[in-house]
Amino acid sequence: MFNFLPAKSEVEIDHVRFQNSLQVRESTRHVIANID
């Protein structure tokens, strides 16, 4: 399904938010970052 994707891609902020929301959803308790 995703064979068309390039091996490397620069992302927009919406994609970063999407990935970060998965970390919040799937974590047991703690989300970790380099900013507060």
PDB file of all heavy atoms in Angstrom:
ATOM      1  N   MET A   1       0.813  -1.215   0.000  1.00  0.00           N
ATOM      2  CA  MET A   1       0.000   0.000   0.000  1.00  0.00           C
ATOM      3  C   MET A   1       0.847   1.266   0.000  1.00  0.00           C
ATOM      4  O   MET A   1       0.456   2.286  -0.573  1.00  0.00           O
ATOM      5  CB  MET A   1      -0.925  -0.015   1.221  1.00  0.00           C
ATOM      6  CG  MET A   1      -1.937   1.102   1.247  1.00  0.00           C
ATOM      7  SD  MET A   1      -3.165   0.814   2.542  1.00  0.00           S
ATOM      8  CE  MET A   1      -4.142   2.307   2.401  1.00  0.00           C
ATOM      9  N   PHE A   2       2.032   1.200   0.630  1.00  0.00           N
ATOM     10  CA  PHE A   2       2.855   2.398   0.772  1.00  0.00           C
ATOM     11  C   PHE A   2       4.161   2.312  -0.016  1.00  0.00           C
ATOM     12  O   PHE A   2       5.111   3.038   0.266  1.00  0.00           O
ATOM     13  CB  PHE A   2       3.164   2.657   2.249  1.00  0.00           C
ATOM     14  CG  PHE A   2       1.946   2.972   3.068  1.00  0.00           C
ATOM     15  CD1 PHE A   2       1.396   2.013   3.899  1.00  0.00           C
ATOM     16  CD2 PHE A   2       1.341   4.212   2.993  1.00  0.00           C
ATOM     17  CE1 PHE A   2       0.258   2.289   4.655  1.00  0.00           C
ATOM     18  CE2 PHE A   2       0.214   4.509   3.751  1.00  0.00           C
ATOM     19  CZ  PHE A   2      -0.331   3.541   4.575  1.00  0.00           C
ATOM     20  N   ASN A   3       4.182   1.454  -1.003  1.00  0.00           N
ATOM     21  CA  ASN A   3       5.402   1.291  -1.801  1.00  0.00           C
ATOM     22  C   ASN A   3       5.802   2.572  -2.533  1.00  0.00           C
ATOM     23  O   ASN A   3       6.980   2.781  -2.849  1.00  0.00           O
ATOM     24  CB  ASN A   3       5.220   0.161  -2.816  1.00  0.00           C
ATOM     25  CG  ASN A   3       6.503  -0.184  -3.529  1.00  0.00           C
ATOM     26  OD1 ASN A   3       7.521  -0.455  -2.899  1.00  0.00           O
ATOM     27  ND2 ASN A   3       6.471  -0.159  -4.858  1.00  0.00           N
ATOM     28  N   PHE A   4       4.838   3.456  -2.776  1.00  0.00           N
ATOM     29  CA  PHE A   4       5.104   4.693  -3.520  1.00  0.00           C
ATOM     30  C   PHE A   4       5.875   5.717  -2.701  1.00  0.00           C
ATOM     31  O   PHE A   4       6.424   6.677  -3.241  1.00  0.00           O
ATOM     32  CB  PHE A   4       3.777   5.318  -3.972  1.00  0.00           C
ATOM     33  CG  PHE A   4       2.945   5.835  -2.829  1.00  0.00           C
ATOM     34  CD1 PHE A   4       3.046   7.153  -2.421  1.00  0.00           C
ATOM     35  CD2 PHE A   4       2.062   4.997  -2.156  1.00  0.00           C
ATOM     36  CE1 PHE A   4       2.271   7.640  -1.374  1.00  0.00           C
ATOM     37  CE2 PHE A   4       1.295   5.467  -1.102  1.00  0.00           C
ATOM     38  CZ  PHE A   4       1.404   6.786  -0.707  1.00  0.00           C
ATOM     39  N   LEU A   5       5.935   5.547  -1.378  1.00  0.00           N
ATOM     40  CA  LEU A   5       6.576   6.551  -0.532  1.00  0.00           C
ATOM     41  C   LEU A   5       8.078   6.585  -0.768  1.00  0.00           C
ATOM     42  O   LEU A   5       8.716   5.545  -0.952  1.00  0.00           O
ATOM     43  CB  LEU A   5       6.306   6.250   0.944  1.00  0.00           C
ATOM     44  CG  LEU A   5       4.870   6.442   1.442  1.00  0.00           C
ATOM     45  CD1 LEU A   5       4.766   5.998   2.894  1.00  0.00           C
ATOM     46  CD2 LEU A   5       4.423   7.882   1.289  1.00  0.00           C
ATOM     47  N   PRO A   6       8.689   7.784  -0.721  1.00  0.00           N
ATOM     48  CA  PRO A   6      10.151   7.870  -0.819  1.00  0.00           C
ATOM     49  C   PRO A   6      10.797   7.353   0.463  1.00  0.00           C
ATOM     50  O   PRO A   6      10.155   7.278   1.514  1.00  0.00           O
ATOM     51  CB  PRO A   6      10.399   9.370  -0.998  1.00  0.00           C
ATOM     52  CG  PRO A   6       9.226  10.020  -0.327  1.00  0.00           C
ATOM     53  CD  PRO A   6       8.060   9.121  -0.591  1.00  0.00           C
ATOM     54  N   ALA A   7      12.062   7.002   0.384  1.00  0.00           N
ATOM     55  CA  ALA A   7      12.768   6.473   1.550  1.00  0.00           C
ATOM     56  C   ALA A   7      13.023   7.542   2.605  1.00  0.00           C
ATOM     57  O   ALA A   7      13.285   7.223   3.769  1.00  0.00           O
ATOM     58  CB  ALA A   7      14.092   5.850   1.118  1.00  0.00           C
ATOM     59  N   LYS A   8      12.929   8.801   2.197  1.00  0.00           N
ATOM     60  CA  LYS A   8      13.150   9.906   3.130  1.00  0.00           C
ATOM     61  C   LYS A   8      12.217  11.042   2.772  1.00  0.00           C
ATOM     62  O   LYS A   8      12.028  11.352   1.593  1.00  0.00           O
ATOM     63  CB  LYS A   8      14.609  10.378   3.066  1.00  0.00           C
ATOM     64  CG  LYS A   8      14.952  11.524   4.009  1.00  0.00           C
ATOM     65  CD  LYS A   8      16.430  11.887   3.887  1.00  0.00           C
ATOM     66  CE  LYS A   8      16.808  13.050   4.787  1.00  0.00           C
ATOM     67  NZ  LYS A   8      18.254  13.388   4.673  1.00  0.00           N
ATOM     68  N   SER A   9      11.630  11.643   3.796  1.00  0.00           N
ATOM     69  CA  SER A   9      10.668  12.707   3.546  1.00  0.00           C
ATOM     70  C   SER A   9      10.717  13.732   4.663  1.00  0.00           C
ATOM     71  O   SER A   9      10.830  13.372   5.840  1.00  0.00           O
ATOM     72  CB  SER A   9       9.251  12.118   3.435  1.00  0.00           C
ATOM     73  OG  SER A   9       8.301  13.122   3.228  1.00  0.00           O
ATOM     74  N   GLU A  10      10.643  15.020   4.296  1.00  0.00           N
ATOM     75  CA  GLU A  10      10.507  16.082   5.288  1.00  0.00           C
ATOM     76  C   GLU A  10       9.023  16.280   5.585  1.00  0.00           C
ATOM     77  O   GLU A  10       8.197  16.276   4.669  1.00  0.00           O
ATOM     78  CB  GLU A  10      11.132  17.382   4.782  1.00  0.00           C
ATOM     79  CG  GLU A  10      12.646  17.306   4.655  1.00  0.00           C
ATOM     80  CD  GLU A  10      13.277  18.658   4.376  1.00  0.00           C
ATOM     81  OE1 GLU A  10      12.537  19.667   4.356  1.00  0.00           O
ATOM     82  OE2 GLU A  10      14.505  18.704   4.183  1.00  0.00           O
ATOM     83  N   VAL A  11       8.700  16.457   6.855  1.00  0.00           N
ATOM     84  CA  VAL A  11       7.297  16.478   7.252  1.00  0.00           C
ATOM     85  C   VAL A  11       6.840  17.876   7.642  1.00  0.00           C
ATOM     86  O   VAL A  11       7.639  18.731   8.035  1.00  0.00           O
ATOM     87  CB  VAL A  11       7.047  15.520   8.436  1.00  0.00           C
ATOM     88  CG1 VAL A  11       7.355  14.089   8.036  1.00  0.00           C
ATOM     89  CG2 VAL A  11       7.872  15.918   9.653  1.00  0.00           C
ATOM     90  N   GLU A  12       5.529  18.085   7.519  1.00  0.00           N
ATOM     91  CA  GLU A  12       4.889  19.295   8.015  1.00  0.00           C
ATOM     92  C   GLU A  12       4.496  19.079   9.474  1.00  0.00           C
ATOM     93  O   GLU A  12       4.483  17.944   9.969  1.00  0.00           O
ATOM     94  CB  GLU A  12       3.659  19.633   7.173  1.00  0.00           C
ATOM     95  CG  GLU A  12       3.941  19.830   5.687  1.00  0.00           C
ATOM     96  CD  GLU A  12       4.793  21.065   5.425  1.00  0.00           C
ATOM     97  OE1 GLU A  12       4.764  21.994   6.255  1.00  0.00           O
ATOM     98  OE2 GLU A  12       5.475  21.093   4.374  1.00  0.00           O
ATOM     99  N   ILE A  13       4.119  20.161  10.140  1.00  0.00           N
ATOM    100  CA  ILE A  13       3.843  20.077  11.573  1.00  0.00           C
ATOM    101  C   ILE A  13       2.630  19.192  11.878  1.00  0.00           C
ATOM    102  O   ILE A  13       2.567  18.560  12.936  1.00  0.00           O
ATOM    103  CB  ILE A  13       3.682  21.479  12.200  1.00  0.00           C
ATOM    104  CG1 ILE A  13       3.794  21.394  13.735  1.00  0.00           C
ATOM    105  CG2 ILE A  13       2.378  22.130  11.728  1.00  0.00           C
ATOM    106  CD1 ILE A  13       3.976  22.729  14.395  1.00  0.00           C
ATOM    107  N   ASP A  14       1.674  19.091  10.945  1.00  0.00           N
ATOM    108  CA  ASP A  14       0.514  18.229  11.185  1.00  0.00           C
ATOM    109  C   ASP A  14       0.937  16.773  11.330  1.00  0.00           C
ATOM    110  O   ASP A  14       0.348  16.025  12.121  1.00  0.00           O
ATOM    111  CB  ASP A  14      -0.498  18.364  10.054  1.00  0.00           C
ATOM    112  CG  ASP A  14      -1.307  19.649  10.141  1.00  0.00           C
ATOM    113  OD1 ASP A  14      -1.234  20.322  11.189  1.00  0.00           O
ATOM    114  OD2 ASP A  14      -1.997  19.987   9.159  1.00  0.00           O
ATOM    115  N   HIS A  15       1.936  16.373  10.566  1.00  0.00           N
ATOM    116  CA  HIS A  15       2.416  14.993  10.684  1.00  0.00           C
ATOM    117  C   HIS A  15       3.132  14.778  12.016  1.00  0.00           C
ATOM    118  O   HIS A  15       3.009  13.705  12.623  1.00  0.00           O
ATOM    119  CB  HIS A  15       3.360  14.645   9.529  1.00  0.00           C
ATOM    120  CG  HIS A  15       3.810  13.219   9.544  1.00  0.00           C
ATOM    121  ND1 HIS A  15       3.066  12.195   9.008  1.00  0.00           N
ATOM    122  CD2 HIS A  15       4.923  12.643  10.065  1.00  0.00           C
ATOM    123  CE1 HIS A  15       3.701  11.043   9.188  1.00  0.00           C
ATOM    124  NE2 HIS A  15       4.831  11.286   9.824  1.00  0.00           N
ATOM    125  N   VAL A  16       3.868  15.774  12.482  1.00  0.00           N
ATOM    126  CA  VAL A  16       4.526  15.676  13.784  1.00  0.00           C
ATOM    127  C   VAL A  16       3.470  15.543  14.884  1.00  0.00           C
ATOM    128  O   VAL A  16       3.598  14.714  15.794  1.00  0.00           O
ATOM    129  CB  VAL A  16       5.423  16.894  14.041  1.00  0.00           C
ATOM    130  CG1 VAL A  16       6.111  16.776  15.407  1.00  0.00           C
ATOM    131  CG2 VAL A  16       6.474  17.033  12.935  1.00  0.00           C
ATOM    132  N   ARG A  17       2.428  16.359  14.787  1.00  0.00           N
ATOM    133  CA  ARG A  17       1.337  16.263  15.772  1.00  0.00           C
ATOM    134  C   ARG A  17       0.707  14.871  15.742  1.00  0.00           C
ATOM    135  O   ARG A  17       0.369  14.308  16.789  1.00  0.00           O
ATOM    136  CB  ARG A  17       0.273  17.327  15.485  1.00  0.00           C
ATOM    137  CG  ARG A  17       0.723  18.766  15.731  1.00  0.00           C
ATOM    138  CD  ARG A  17      -0.493  19.692  15.723  1.00  0.00           C
ATOM    139  NE  ARG A  17      -0.104  21.086  15.880  1.00  0.00           N
ATOM    140  CZ  ARG A  17      -0.064  21.966  14.895  1.00  0.00           C
ATOM    141  NH1 ARG A  17      -0.394  21.598  13.656  1.00  0.00           N
ATOM    142  NH2 ARG A  17       0.288  23.219  15.117  1.00  0.00           N
ATOM    143  N   PHE A  18       0.541  14.334  14.543  1.00  0.00           N
ATOM    144  CA  PHE A  18      -0.036  13.000  14.401  1.00  0.00           C
ATOM    145  C   PHE A  18       0.825  11.955  15.107  1.00  0.00           C
ATOM    146  O   PHE A  18       0.319  11.158  15.913  1.00  0.00           O
ATOM    147  CB  PHE A  18      -0.182  12.668  12.914  1.00  0.00           C
ATOM    148  CG  PHE A  18      -0.333  11.209  12.610  1.00  0.00           C
ATOM    149  CD1 PHE A  18      -1.473  10.517  12.979  1.00  0.00           C
ATOM    150  CD2 PHE A  18       0.682  10.515  11.952  1.00  0.00           C
ATOM    151  CE1 PHE A  18      -1.615   9.163  12.698  1.00  0.00           C
ATOM    152  CE2 PHE A  18       0.546   9.167  11.669  1.00  0.00           C
ATOM    153  CZ  PHE A  18      -0.598   8.490  12.044  1.00  0.00           C
ATOM    154  N   GLN A  19       2.122  11.956  14.823  1.00  0.00           N
ATOM    155  CA  GLN A  19       2.998  10.982  15.480  1.00  0.00           C
ATOM    156  C   GLN A  19       3.015  11.177  16.992  1.00  0.00           C
ATOM    157  O   GLN A  19       2.997  10.202  17.752  1.00  0.00           O
ATOM    158  CB  GLN A  19       4.418  11.075  14.914  1.00  0.00           C
ATOM    159  CG  GLN A  19       4.589  10.473  13.533  1.00  0.00           C
ATOM    160  CD  GLN A  19       6.011  10.040  13.250  1.00  0.00           C
ATOM    161  OE1 GLN A  19       6.703   9.522  14.129  1.00  0.00           O
ATOM    162  NE2 GLN A  19       6.464  10.254  12.031  1.00  0.00           N
ATOM    163  N   ASN A  20       3.056  12.426  17.441  1.00  0.00           N
ATOM    164  CA  ASN A  20       3.081  12.679  18.883  1.00  0.00           C
ATOM    165  C   ASN A  20       1.787  12.232  19.560  1.00  0.00           C
ATOM    166  O   ASN A  20       1.801  11.744  20.694  1.00  0.00           O
ATOM    167  CB  ASN A  20       3.335  14.157  19.147  1.00  0.00           C
ATOM    168  CG  ASN A  20       4.770  14.563  18.853  1.00  0.00           C
ATOM    169  OD1 ASN A  20       5.633  13.717  18.649  1.00  0.00           O
ATOM    170  ND2 ASN A  20       5.037  15.854  18.826  1.00  0.00           N
ATOM    171  N   SER A  21       0.665  12.371  18.857  1.00  0.00           N
ATOM    172  CA  SER A  21      -0.601  11.913  19.436  1.00  0.00           C
ATOM    173  C   SER A  21      -0.606  10.396  19.616  1.00  0.00           C
ATOM    174  O   SER A  21      -1.196   9.877  20.571  1.00  0.00           O
ATOM    175  CB  SER A  21      -1.779  12.344  18.552  1.00  0.00           C
ATOM    176  OG  SER A  21      -1.810  11.628  17.326  1.00  0.00           O
ATOM    177  N   LEU A  22       0.076   9.686  18.722  1.00  0.00           N
ATOM    178  CA  LEU A  22       0.190   8.236  18.879  1.00  0.00           C
ATOM    179  C   LEU A  22       1.007   7.884  20.120  1.00  0.00           C
ATOM    180  O   LEU A  22       0.704   6.903  20.814  1.00  0.00           O
ATOM    181  CB  LEU A  22       0.836   7.613  17.638  1.00  0.00           C
ATOM    182  CG  LEU A  22       0.052   7.696  16.331  1.00  0.00           C
ATOM    183  CD1 LEU A  22       0.832   7.032  15.203  1.00  0.00           C
ATOM    184  CD2 LEU A  22      -1.333   7.078  16.465  1.00  0.00           C
ATOM    185  N   GLN A  23       2.046   8.671  20.404  1.00  0.00           N
ATOM    186  CA  GLN A  23       2.832   8.439  21.617  1.00  0.00           C
ATOM    187  C   GLN A  23       1.983   8.642  22.866  1.00  0.00           C
ATOM    188  O   GLN A  23       2.079   7.880  23.831  1.00  0.00           O
ATOM    189  CB  GLN A  23       4.052   9.361  21.645  1.00  0.00           C
ATOM    190  CG  GLN A  23       5.097   9.060  20.582  1.00  0.00           C
ATOM    191  CD  GLN A  23       5.753   7.703  20.754  1.00  0.00           C
ATOM    192  OE1 GLN A  23       5.944   7.223  21.870  1.00  0.00           O
ATOM    193  NE2 GLN A  23       6.096   7.072  19.645  1.00  0.00           N
ATOM    194  N   VAL A  24       1.131   9.664  22.846  1.00  0.00           N
ATOM    195  CA  VAL A  24       0.242   9.899  23.992  1.00  0.00           C
ATOM    196  C   VAL A  24      -0.746   8.747  24.117  1.00  0.00           C
ATOM    197  O   VAL A  24      -0.965   8.205  25.207  1.00  0.00           O
ATOM    198  CB  VAL A  24      -0.517  11.235  23.832  1.00  0.00           C
ATOM    199  CG1 VAL A  24      -1.423  11.471  25.047  1.00  0.00           C
ATOM    200  CG2 VAL A  24       0.453  12.400  23.676  1.00  0.00           C
ATOM    201  N   ARG A  25      -1.332   8.345  23.001  1.00  0.00           N
ATOM    202  CA  ARG A  25      -2.356   7.299  23.023  1.00  0.00           C
ATOM    203  C   ARG A  25      -1.806   5.959  23.476  1.00  0.00           C
ATOM    204  O   ARG A  25      -2.408   5.269  24.305  1.00  0.00           O
ATOM    205  CB  ARG A  25      -2.967   7.161  21.623  1.00  0.00           C
ATOM    206  CG  ARG A  25      -4.164   6.219  21.562  1.00  0.00           C
ATOM    207  CD  ARG A  25      -4.625   6.025  20.124  1.00  0.00           C
ATOM    208  NE  ARG A  25      -3.715   5.141  19.380  1.00  0.00           N
ATOM    209  CZ  ARG A  25      -3.833   4.878  18.083  1.00  0.00           C
ATOM    210  NH1 ARG A  25      -4.794   5.455  17.376  1.00  0.00           N
ATOM    211  NH2 ARG A  25      -2.985   4.053  17.481  1.00  0.00           N
ATOM    212  N   GLU A  26      -0.643   5.565  22.951  1.00  0.00           N
ATOM    213  CA  GLU A  26      -0.137   4.212  23.168  1.00  0.00           C
ATOM    214  C   GLU A  26       0.739   4.065  24.407  1.00  0.00           C
ATOM    215  O   GLU A  26       1.029   2.939  24.819  1.00  0.00           O
ATOM    216  CB  GLU A  26       0.649   3.757  21.939  1.00  0.00           C
ATOM    217  CG  GLU A  26      -0.169   3.712  20.661  1.00  0.00           C
ATOM    218  CD  GLU A  26      -1.368   2.796  20.777  1.00  0.00           C
ATOM    219  OE1 GLU A  26      -1.214   1.653  21.255  1.00  0.00           O
ATOM    220  OE2 GLU A  26      -2.476   3.233  20.406  1.00  0.00           O
ATOM    221  N   SER A  27       1.163   5.145  25.011  1.00  0.00           N
ATOM    222  CA  SER A  27       1.999   5.056  26.205  1.00  0.00           C
ATOM    223  C   SER A  27       1.199   4.489  27.373  1.00  0.00           C
ATOM    224  O   SER A  27      -0.028   4.586  27.420  1.00  0.00           O
ATOM    225  CB  SER A  27       2.548   6.437  26.576  1.00  0.00           C
ATOM    226  OG  SER A  27       1.486   7.347  26.832  1.00  0.00           O
ATOM    227  N   THR A  28       1.904   3.901  28.316  1.00  0.00           N
ATOM    228  CA  THR A  28       1.259   3.445  29.535  1.00  0.00           C
ATOM    229  C   THR A  28       0.955   4.623  30.443  1.00  0.00           C
ATOM    230  O   THR A  28      -0.147   4.764  30.969  1.00  0.00           O
ATOM    231  CB  THR A  28       2.161   2.451  30.296  1.00  0.00           C
ATOM    232  OG1 THR A  28       2.442   1.350  29.450  1.00  0.00           O
ATOM    233  CG2 THR A  28       1.484   1.947  31.562  1.00  0.00           C
ATOM    234  N   ARG A  29       1.948   5.507  30.582  1.00  0.00           N
ATOM    235  CA  ARG A  29       1.772   6.636  31.498  1.00  0.00           C
ATOM    236  C   ARG A  29       2.548   7.882  31.089  1.00  0.00           C
ATOM    237  O   ARG A  29       2.023   8.980  31.126  1.00  0.00           O
ATOM    238  CB  ARG A  29       2.187   6.223  32.909  1.00  0.00           C
ATOM    239  CG  ARG A  29       2.025   7.304  33.948  1.00  0.00           C
ATOM    240  CD  ARG A  29       2.179   6.769  35.353  1.00  0.00           C
ATOM    241  NE  ARG A  29       1.859   7.792  36.332  1.00  0.00           N
ATOM    242  CZ  ARG A  29       1.677   7.575  37.627  1.00  0.00           C
ATOM    243  NH1 ARG A  29       1.802   6.322  38.085  1.00  0.00           N
ATOM    244  NH2 ARG A  29       1.373   8.554  38.451  1.00  0.00           N
ATOM    245  N   HIS A  30       3.810   7.718  30.681  1.00  0.00           N
ATOM    246  CA  HIS A  30       4.705   8.855  30.512  1.00  0.00           C
ATOM    247  C   HIS A  30       5.056   9.146  29.054  1.00  0.00           C
ATOM    248  O   HIS A  30       5.478   8.250  28.321  1.00  0.00           O
ATOM    249  CB  HIS A  30       6.002   8.622  31.302  1.00  0.00           C
ATOM    250  CG  HIS A  30       5.788   8.585  32.778  1.00  0.00           C
ATOM    251  ND1 HIS A  30       6.308   7.584  33.581  1.00  0.00           N
ATOM    252  CD2 HIS A  30       5.118   9.423  33.605  1.00  0.00           C
ATOM    253  CE1 HIS A  30       5.963   7.804  34.842  1.00  0.00           C
ATOM    254  NE2 HIS A  30       5.235   8.916  34.878  1.00  0.00           N
ATOM    255  N   VAL A  31       4.879  10.399  28.667  1.00  0.00           N
ATOM    256  CA  VAL A  31       5.333  10.916  27.377  1.00  0.00           C
ATOM    257  C   VAL A  31       6.580  11.743  27.651  1.00  0.00           C
ATOM    258  O   VAL A  31       6.651  12.478  28.641  1.00  0.00           O
ATOM    259  CB  VAL A  31       4.252  11.781  26.706  1.00  0.00           C
ATOM    260  CG1 VAL A  31       4.729  12.309  25.363  1.00  0.00           C
ATOM    261  CG2 VAL A  31       2.962  10.977  26.544  1.00  0.00           C
ATOM    262  N   ILE A  32       7.588  11.628  26.781  1.00  0.00           N
ATOM    263  CA  ILE A  32       8.923  12.176  27.045  1.00  0.00           C
ATOM    264  C   ILE A  32       9.347  13.077  25.898  1.00  0.00           C
ATOM    265  O   ILE A  32       9.148  12.740  24.725  1.00  0.00           O
ATOM    266  CB  ILE A  32       9.923  11.026  27.237  1.00  0.00           C
ATOM    267  CG1 ILE A  32       9.516  10.148  28.432  1.00  0.00           C
ATOM    268  CG2 ILE A  32      11.354  11.557  27.413  1.00  0.00           C
ATOM    269  CD1 ILE A  32      10.164   8.782  28.446  1.00  0.00           C
ATOM    270  N   ALA A  33       9.946  14.235  26.234  1.00  0.00           N
ATOM    271  CA  ALA A  33      10.359  15.177  25.200  1.00  0.00           C
ATOM    272  C   ALA A  33      11.529  16.017  25.687  1.00  0.00           C
ATOM    273  O   ALA A  33      11.882  16.013  26.873  1.00  0.00           O
ATOM    274  CB  ALA A  33       9.199  16.077  24.800  1.00  0.00           C
ATOM    275  N   ASN A  34      12.108  16.773  24.751  1.00  0.00           N
ATOM    276  CA  ASN A  34      13.220  17.661  25.092  1.00  0.00           C
ATOM    277  C   ASN A  34      12.742  19.079  25.394  1.00  0.00           C
ATOM    278  O   ASN A  34      13.550  19.966  25.638  1.00  0.00           O
ATOM    279  CB  ASN A  34      14.254  17.685  23.956  1.00  0.00           C
ATOM    280  CG  ASN A  34      13.697  18.272  22.669  1.00  0.00           C
ATOM    281  OD1 ASN A  34      12.489  18.246  22.435  1.00  0.00           O
ATOM    282  ND2 ASN A  34      14.575  18.785  21.825  1.00  0.00           N
ATOM    283  N   ILE A  35      11.425  19.309  25.357  1.00  0.00           N
ATOM    284  CA  ILE A  35      10.859  20.600  25.737  1.00  0.00           C
ATOM    285  C   ILE A  35       9.720  20.360  26.733  1.00  0.00           C
ATOM    286  O   ILE A  35       9.225  19.233  26.869  1.00  0.00           O
ATOM    287  CB  ILE A  35      10.319  21.379  24.520  1.00  0.00           C
ATOM    288  CG1 ILE A  35       9.195  20.606  23.831  1.00  0.00           C
ATOM    289  CG2 ILE A  35      11.452  21.678  23.522  1.00  0.00           C
ATOM    290  CD1 ILE A  35       8.472  21.403  22.774  1.00  0.00           C
ATOM    291  N   ASP A  36       9.296  21.428  27.423  1.00  0.00           N
ATOM    292  CA  ASP A  36       8.291  21.269  28.476  1.00  0.00           C
ATOM    293  C   ASP A  36       6.898  21.727  28.052  1.00  0.00           C
ATOM    294  O   ASP A  36       6.039  21.992  28.900  1.00  0.00           O
ATOM    295  CB  ASP A  36       8.727  22.011  29.742  1.00  0.00           C
ATOM    296  CG  ASP A  36       8.865  23.511  29.533  1.00  0.00           C
ATOM    297  OD1 ASP A  36       8.689  23.971  28.388  1.00  0.00           O
ATOM    298  OD2 ASP A  36       9.152  24.221  30.519  1.00  0.00           O
TER     299      ASP A  36
END
